[in-house]
C-alpha atoms as a PDB file:
ATOM      1  CA  MET A   1       0.072  -0.033  -0.119  1.00  0.00           C
ATOM      2  CA  PRO A   2       1.428   3.428  -0.840  1.00  0.00           C
ATOM      3  CA  VAL A   3       2.383   5.638   2.057  1.00  0.00           C
ATOM      4  CA  SER A   4       0.199   8.516   0.508  1.00  0.00           C
ATOM      5  CA  ARG A   5      -1.709   9.385  -2.547  1.00  0.00           C
ATOM      6  CA  SER A   6      -2.891  12.414  -4.146  1.00  0.00           C
ATOM      7  CA  ASN A   7      -6.441  10.779  -4.601  1.00  0.00           C
ATOM      8  CA  THR A   8      -7.583  10.879  -1.219  1.00  0.00           C
ATOM      9  CA  SER A   9     -10.453   8.527  -2.105  1.00  0.00           C
ATOM     10  CA  GLN A  10      -7.856   5.615  -2.554  1.00  0.00           C
ATOM     11  CA  THR A  11      -6.296   3.812   0.397  1.00  0.00           C
ATOM     12  CA  SER A  12      -2.772   4.915   1.743  1.00  0.00           C
ATOM     13  CA  TYR A  13      -1.118   4.434   5.006  1.00  0.00           C
ATOM     14  CA  LEU A  14      -1.161   7.953   5.816  1.00  0.00           C
ATOM     15  CA  ALA A  15      -5.169   7.932   5.566  1.00  0.00           C
ATOM     16  CA  LYS A  16      -5.029   5.003   7.900  1.00  0.00           C
ATOM     17  CA  LEU A  17      -3.052   6.905  10.434  1.00  0.00           C
ATOM     18  CA  SER A  18      -5.367   9.827  10.138  1.00  0.00           C
ATOM     19  CA  ALA A  19      -8.241   7.373  11.194  1.00  0.00           C
ATOM     20  CA  TYR A  20      -6.442   5.956  13.897  1.00  0.00           C
ATOM     21  CA  SER A  21      -5.675   9.572  14.874  1.00  0.00           C
ATOM     22  CA  ALA A  22      -9.373  10.616  14.964  1.00  0.00           C
ATOM     23  CA  ILE A  23     -10.223   7.280  17.320  1.00  0.00           C
ATOM     24  CA  ILE A  24      -7.431   8.405  19.830  1.00  0.00           C
ATOM     25  CA  GLY A  25      -8.543  12.315  19.554  1.00  0.00           C
ATOM     26  CA  SER A  26     -12.111  11.521  20.358  1.00  0.00           C
ATOM     27  CA  GLN A  27     -11.032   8.885  23.053  1.00  0.00           C
ATOM     28  CA  THR A  28     -13.147   6.036  21.234  1.00  0.00           C
ATOM     29  CA  ASN A  29     -10.516   3.705  22.437  1.00  0.00           C
ATOM     30  CA  ARG A  30     -11.513   4.606  25.935  1.00  0.00           C
ATOM     31  CA  THR A  31     -15.236   4.835  25.618  1.00  0.00           C
ATOM     32  CA  HIS A  32     -15.790   1.757  23.030  1.00  0.00           C
ATOM     33  CA  LEU A  33     -12.852  -0.271  24.087  1.00  0.00           C
ATOM     34  CA  GLY A  34     -12.181   0.528  27.456  1.00  0.00           C
ATOM     35  CA  THR A  35      -8.365   0.908  26.769  1.00  0.00           C
ATOM     36  CA  PRO A  36      -7.046   4.070  28.377  1.00  0.00           C
ATOM     37  CA  ASN A  37      -4.143   4.344  25.806  1.00  0.00           C
ATOM     38  CA  LEU A  38      -3.710   3.022  22.415  1.00  0.00           C
ATOM     39  CA  LEU A  39      -0.413   2.810  20.444  1.00  0.00           C
ATOM     40  CA  VAL A  40      -0.397   2.109  16.778  1.00  0.00           C
ATOM     41  CA  LEU A  41       2.666  -0.077  15.808  1.00  0.00           C
ATOM     42  CA  THR A  42       3.839  -0.046  12.156  1.00  0.00           C
ATOM     43  CA  LEU A  43       6.604  -2.583  11.423  1.00  0.00           C
ATOM     44  CA  THR A  44       7.861  -2.227   7.737  1.00  0.00           C
ATOM     45  CA  THR A  45      10.329  -3.749   5.610  1.00  0.00           C
ATOM     46  CA  GLY A  46      12.335  -0.741   4.489  1.00  0.00           C
ATOM     47  CA  GLY A  47      14.091   2.050   6.145  1.00  0.00           C
ATOM     48  CA  SER A  48      13.351   4.489   3.532  1.00  0.00           C
ATOM     49  CA  ARG A  49       9.554   3.634   3.636  1.00  0.00           C
ATOM     50  CA  MET A  50       9.766   4.092   7.414  1.00  0.00           C
ATOM     51  CA  GLN A  51      11.636   7.476   6.912  1.00  0.00           C
ATOM     52  CA  GLU A  52       8.709   8.557   4.442  1.00  0.00           C
ATOM     53  CA  MET A  53       6.174   7.665   6.893  1.00  0.00           C
ATOM     54  CA  LEU A  54       7.748   9.714   9.539  1.00  0.00           C
ATOM     55  CA  ARG A  55       8.118  12.568   7.319  1.00  0.00           C
ATOM     56  CA  LEU A  56       4.522  12.594   6.135  1.00  0.00           C
ATOM     57  CA  SER A  57       3.268  12.174   9.919  1.00  0.00           C
ATOM     58  CA  ARG A  58       5.354  15.009  10.880  1.00  0.00           C
ATOM     59  CA  GLU A  59       3.533  17.145   8.456  1.00  0.00           C
ATOM     60  CA  GLU A  60       0.117  16.338   9.505  1.00  0.00           C
ATOM     61  CA  ARG A  61      -1.874  18.215  12.242  1.00  0.00           C
ATOM     62  CA  TRP A  62      -2.611  15.394  14.559  1.00  0.00           C
ATOM     63  CA  ASP A  63      -0.708  14.272  17.631  1.00  0.00           C
ATOM     64  CA  THR A  64       2.007  11.748  16.223  1.00  0.00           C
ATOM     65  CA  ALA A  65       3.157  10.370  19.799  1.00  0.00           C
ATOM     66  CA  PRO A  66       1.021   7.230  19.794  1.00  0.00           C
ATOM     67  CA  PHE A  67       2.363   6.027  16.305  1.00  0.00           C
ATOM     68  CA  LEU A  68       5.462   4.186  16.424  1.00  0.00           C
ATOM     69  CA  PHE A  69       7.661   2.790  13.443  1.00  0.00           C
ATOM     70  CA  ALA A  70      10.206   0.091  13.107  1.00  0.00           C
ATOM     71  CA  THR A  71      11.786  -1.880  10.235  1.00  0.00           C
ATOM     72  CA  ALA A  72      12.351  -5.850   9.703  1.00  0.00           C
ATOM     73  CA  THR A  73      13.387  -7.841   6.803  1.00  0.00           C
ATOM     74  CA  ASP A  74      11.051 -10.390   5.291  1.00  0.00           C
ATOM     75  CA  ASP A  75      13.357 -13.227   6.684  1.00  0.00           C
ATOM     76  CA  ASP A  76      13.132 -11.515  10.150  1.00  0.00           C
ATOM     77  CA  LEU A  77       9.289 -11.926  10.205  1.00  0.00           C
ATOM     78  CA  LYS A  78       9.480 -15.920   9.965  1.00  0.00           C
ATOM     79  CA  PHE A  79      10.187 -15.829  13.746  1.00  0.00           C
ATOM     80  CA  PRO A  80       8.998 -13.829  16.596  1.00  0.00           C
ATOM     81  CA  LEU A  81      11.201 -10.888  17.182  1.00  0.00           C
ATOM     82  CA  ALA A  82      12.019 -10.411  20.701  1.00  0.00           C
ATOM     83  CA  ARG A  83      14.140  -7.037  19.757  1.00  0.00           C
ATOM     84  CA  LEU A  84      10.930  -5.306  18.721  1.00  0.00           C
ATOM     85  CA  PHE A  85      10.285  -5.148  22.697  1.00  0.00           C
ATOM     86  CA  ALA A  86      13.705  -4.315  23.665  1.00  0.00           C
ATOM     87  CA  GLU A  87      14.795  -1.754  20.792  1.00  0.00           C
ATOM     88  CA  PRO A  88      13.280   1.858  20.661  1.00  0.00           C
ATOM     89  CA  TRP A  89      10.518   2.491  18.045  1.00  0.00           C
ATOM     90  CA  GLU A  90      10.683   5.589  16.054  1.00  0.00           C
ATOM     91  CA  ARG A  91       8.090   8.570  16.392  1.00  0.00           C
ATOM     92  CA  ALA A  92       7.550  11.369  14.240  1.00  0.00           C
ATOM     93  CA  GLY A  93       8.502  14.549  16.179  1.00  0.00           C
ATOM     94  CA  HIS A  94       9.139  12.727  19.624  1.00  0.00           C
ATOM     95  CA  PRO A  95      11.808  10.638  21.189  1.00  0.00           C
ATOM     96  CA  ALA A  96      11.782   6.955  20.107  1.00  0.00           C
ATOM     97  CA  LEU A  97      10.019   4.570  22.759  1.00  0.00           C
ATOM     98  CA  CYS A  98      11.098   1.345  24.249  1.00  0.00           C
ATOM     99  CA  LEU A  99       8.060  -0.992  24.492  1.00  0.00           C
ATOM    100  CA  ALA A 100       9.659  -2.938  27.330  1.00  0.00           C
ATOM    101  CA  SER A 101      10.453  -0.233  29.578  1.00  0.00           C
ATOM    102  CA  GLY A 102       7.945   2.283  28.296  1.00  0.00           C
ATOM    103  CA  THR A 103      10.732   4.975  28.391  1.00  0.00           C
ATOM    104  CA  SER A 104      11.586   7.641  25.899  1.00  0.00           C
ATOM    105  CA  THR A 105      15.080   7.664  24.371  1.00  0.00           C
ATOM    106  CA  HIS A 106      16.269  11.146  23.446  1.00  0.00           C
ATOM    107  CA  ALA A 107      19.423   9.835  21.528  1.00  0.00           C
ATOM    108  CA  ALA A 108      17.190   8.216  18.800  1.00  0.00           C
ATOM    109  CA  GLN A 109      14.874  11.267  18.543  1.00  0.00           C
ATOM    110  CA  ASP A 110      13.389  11.899  15.188  1.00  0.00           C
ATOM    111  CA  ALA A 111      14.458  15.391  14.225  1.00  0.00           C
END
């Protein structure tokens, strides 16, 4: 799926993130699902694709903190990846976040 499209009636990953942003902004995750917080994890197979997602996310007007991004190769995905919990996930305009500890890493901050 393309990260973005000029025709907004077609699907894109950015449109999906926008829909998640609306859910989080309206707190539907709390009222409908009963979850106090919602993180949207995106695992993609290319570093350049992830950087494009981060770049476009920064340009949007919604809060990007709940959107986390990481990469893995197709071969990596054949087995569970413990590193996804131990290594920081990138966020647009926010410090990276480690899922295992729940701490931000300023060194990996996406400028």
